[in-house]
Protein backbone atom coordinates (compact mmCIF):
# COMPACT_ATOMS: atom_id res chain seq x y z
CA MET A 1 -122.45 142.13 -77.10
CA ASN A 2 -119.55 141.12 -74.99
CA PRO A 3 -116.47 142.96 -75.80
CA ASP A 4 -114.69 139.79 -75.43
CA SER A 5 -116.32 137.61 -77.66
CA PRO A 6 -114.99 137.16 -81.13
CA ILE A 7 -117.05 138.55 -83.95
CA PRO A 8 -119.56 136.26 -86.09
CA THR A 9 -116.99 135.63 -88.88
CA ARG A 10 -120.49 136.60 -91.41
CA ALA A 11 -119.81 139.93 -89.85
CA ALA A 12 -116.01 140.60 -89.89
CA LEU A 13 -115.63 139.23 -93.91
CA VAL A 14 -118.78 141.33 -95.57
CA ARG A 15 -117.43 144.83 -95.08
CA PRO A 16 -114.05 144.16 -96.10
CA ALA A 17 -114.71 141.68 -98.66
CA ILE A 18 -117.50 144.21 -100.37
CA ALA A 19 -114.84 147.44 -100.17
CA THR A 20 -111.96 144.89 -101.36
CA ALA A 21 -114.50 144.03 -104.45
CA VAL A 22 -115.27 147.59 -105.52
CA VAL A 23 -111.22 148.29 -105.51
CA GLY A 24 -110.98 145.30 -107.44
CA LEU A 25 -113.76 146.95 -109.75
CA LEU A 26 -111.65 149.95 -110.58
CA GLY A 27 -108.64 147.97 -111.00
CA VAL A 28 -110.82 145.93 -113.78
CA VAL A 29 -110.97 149.64 -115.07
CA TRP A 30 -107.51 150.72 -114.44
CA GLY A 31 -106.13 147.16 -116.18
CA ALA A 32 -108.13 147.69 -119.18
CA LEU A 33 -107.18 151.02 -119.46
CA VAL A 34 -103.57 150.44 -119.08
CA ALA A 35 -102.94 147.13 -120.82
CA GLY A 36 -106.32 146.07 -122.00
CA THR A 37 -107.58 141.90 -121.60
CA ALA A 38 -104.37 141.34 -120.04
CA GLY A 39 -104.81 144.28 -117.47
CA VAL A 40 -108.49 142.75 -116.84
CA ILE A 41 -107.56 139.56 -116.42
CA ALA A 42 -104.71 140.44 -114.00
CA ALA A 43 -106.71 142.36 -111.84
CA VAL A 44 -109.52 140.00 -111.85
CA MET A 45 -107.14 137.52 -110.77
CA ALA A 46 -105.48 139.76 -108.04
CA THR A 47 -109.01 140.36 -106.22
CA ALA A 48 -109.60 136.95 -106.56
CA VAL A 49 -106.38 135.94 -104.67
CA VAL A 50 -106.59 138.81 -102.35
CA LEU A 51 -110.40 137.86 -101.45
CA ALA A 52 -109.56 134.08 -101.22
CA PHE A 53 -106.09 134.57 -99.05
CA PHE A 54 -107.71 137.48 -96.58
CA ALA A 55 -110.95 135.78 -95.95
CA LEU A 56 -109.58 132.38 -95.01
CA GLY A 57 -107.11 133.79 -92.79
CA GLN A 58 -109.39 135.76 -91.39
CA MET A 59 -111.80 133.11 -90.94
CA ALA A 60 -108.58 131.20 -89.49
CA VAL A 61 -108.19 133.98 -86.86
CA GLN A 62 -111.86 133.93 -85.69
CA LYS A 63 -111.46 130.25 -84.85
CA VAL A 64 -108.60 130.75 -82.41
CA LEU A 65 -110.16 133.82 -81.19
CA ALA A 66 -113.24 131.14 -80.80
CA THR A 67 -111.43 129.00 -78.80
CA ASN A 68 -107.90 130.46 -77.27
CA PRO A 69 -108.44 134.04 -77.35
CA ALA A 70 -105.45 134.68 -75.69
CA LEU A 71 -103.55 133.92 -78.91
CA GLY A 72 -105.51 136.02 -81.15
CA LEU A 73 -103.11 138.37 -81.90
CA ASN A 74 -100.13 135.93 -82.51
CA VAL A 75 -102.18 134.07 -84.82
CA ALA A 76 -103.65 136.86 -86.67
CA LEU A 77 -100.10 138.61 -87.13
CA GLY A 78 -98.51 134.96 -87.82
CA VAL A 79 -101.34 134.56 -90.67
CA TYR A 80 -101.04 138.31 -91.88
CA MET A 81 -97.10 137.39 -92.65
CA GLY A 82 -97.99 134.88 -94.39
CA GLN A 83 -100.56 135.68 -96.50
CA ILE A 84 -98.25 138.91 -97.54
CA VAL A 85 -94.93 136.18 -97.78
CA VAL A 86 -97.53 134.19 -99.70
CA LEU A 87 -98.20 136.64 -102.06
CA PHE A 88 -94.81 137.72 -103.03
CA ILE A 89 -93.74 134.51 -103.75
CA LEU A 90 -97.13 134.79 -106.37
CA LEU A 91 -95.79 137.77 -107.67
CA ALA A 92 -92.36 136.44 -108.30
CA ALA A 93 -93.61 133.56 -110.00
CA LEU A 94 -96.26 135.12 -112.22
CA ARG A 95 -93.71 137.98 -112.98
CA ASN A 96 -92.88 136.99 -116.46
CA ALA A 97 -96.10 135.44 -117.73
CA THR A 98 -97.57 136.77 -121.34
CA PHE A 99 -101.36 136.12 -120.44
CA PHE A 100 -101.63 138.90 -118.12
CA ASP A 101 -100.02 142.42 -116.95
CA PRO A 102 -97.96 141.63 -113.72
CA ARG A 103 -97.85 145.65 -113.11
CA VAL A 104 -101.45 145.54 -113.14
CA PHE A 105 -101.72 142.36 -110.88
CA ALA A 106 -99.13 143.91 -108.29
CA GLY A 107 -100.65 147.21 -108.31
CA THR A 108 -104.56 145.31 -107.82
CA ILE A 109 -102.96 142.71 -104.98
CA VAL A 110 -101.04 145.71 -102.86
CA ALA A 111 -104.77 148.31 -103.44
CA CYS A 112 -106.77 145.04 -102.32
CA ALA A 113 -104.62 144.11 -99.45
CA LEU A 114 -105.03 147.55 -98.12
CA VAL A 115 -108.56 148.24 -98.66
CA TRP A 116 -109.05 144.58 -96.96
CA THR A 117 -106.83 145.16 -94.12
CA ALA A 118 -107.97 148.64 -93.55
CA MET A 119 -111.76 147.67 -92.99
CA ILE A 120 -110.55 145.15 -90.63
CA VAL A 121 -109.37 147.35 -88.39
CA VAL A 122 -112.91 149.99 -88.94
CA SER A 123 -114.64 146.68 -87.84
CA LEU A 124 -112.46 145.72 -84.84
CA SER A 125 -112.33 149.89 -83.88
CA LYS A 126 -116.19 149.54 -83.64
CA ARG A 127 -116.83 147.04 -81.30
CA PRO A 128 -117.61 147.61 -77.25
CA SER A 129 -114.06 148.50 -75.35
CA ALA A 130 -113.81 146.37 -72.20
CA TYR A 131 -114.48 148.10 -68.78
CA VAL A 132 -114.99 146.65 -65.12
CA GLU A 133 -117.84 147.16 -63.09
CA PRO A 134 -116.85 147.97 -59.67
CA GLU A 135 -119.18 145.29 -57.94
CA SER A 136 -117.30 143.12 -59.93
CA THR A 137 -114.33 143.40 -57.88
CA LEU A 138 -116.09 142.84 -54.57
CA GLY A 139 -114.94 139.38 -54.85
CA LEU A 140 -111.54 140.31 -55.15
CA SER A 141 -110.75 141.35 -50.77
CA ASP A 142 -112.08 139.49 -48.02
CA ASP A 143 -111.07 142.48 -46.03
CA PRO A 144 -114.10 144.37 -44.28
CA GLU A 145 -112.65 147.67 -44.53
CA VAL A 146 -111.49 147.30 -48.25
CA ILE A 147 -115.29 146.18 -49.71
CA ALA A 148 -117.04 149.31 -47.58
CA ARG A 149 -114.53 151.22 -49.20
CA LEU A 150 -115.47 149.95 -52.92
CA ARG A 151 -118.89 150.52 -52.17
CA LYS A 152 -118.92 153.81 -51.12
CA ASP A 153 -116.22 154.91 -53.54
CA PRO A 154 -117.95 153.27 -56.83
CA SER A 155 -115.54 155.24 -59.42
């Protein structure tokens, strides 16, 4: 695998989605214990929101990485900040809702978002590191002394 190529979208989404779903199930159990049916509804909604927001954001970042890798970090940070802002707006809009427990909703969103982010970091940290082979630098200079030195010293 070329270290500069983006990881496939499916591979980038599977582990974070599974881990987030597991944390969401823990949130459902927590919600049931703390707030009953309203807590279960809140935890299910929160898990669905995080899975949808973060999966769509990851797919957008992967599209940009495939076409313009130089913008990857900027787009990733922008998408992440946008997601967090929308989540806070959603929390603020639903804070007085009566059909679900807002504390369970907020807690599950935070837990799921942290797990999703951690799993993305783990996935990206397992990618191979970029390196330069000494032979690939031979074309950078036409000076015969530099070429001879590079061929003799492989480090």
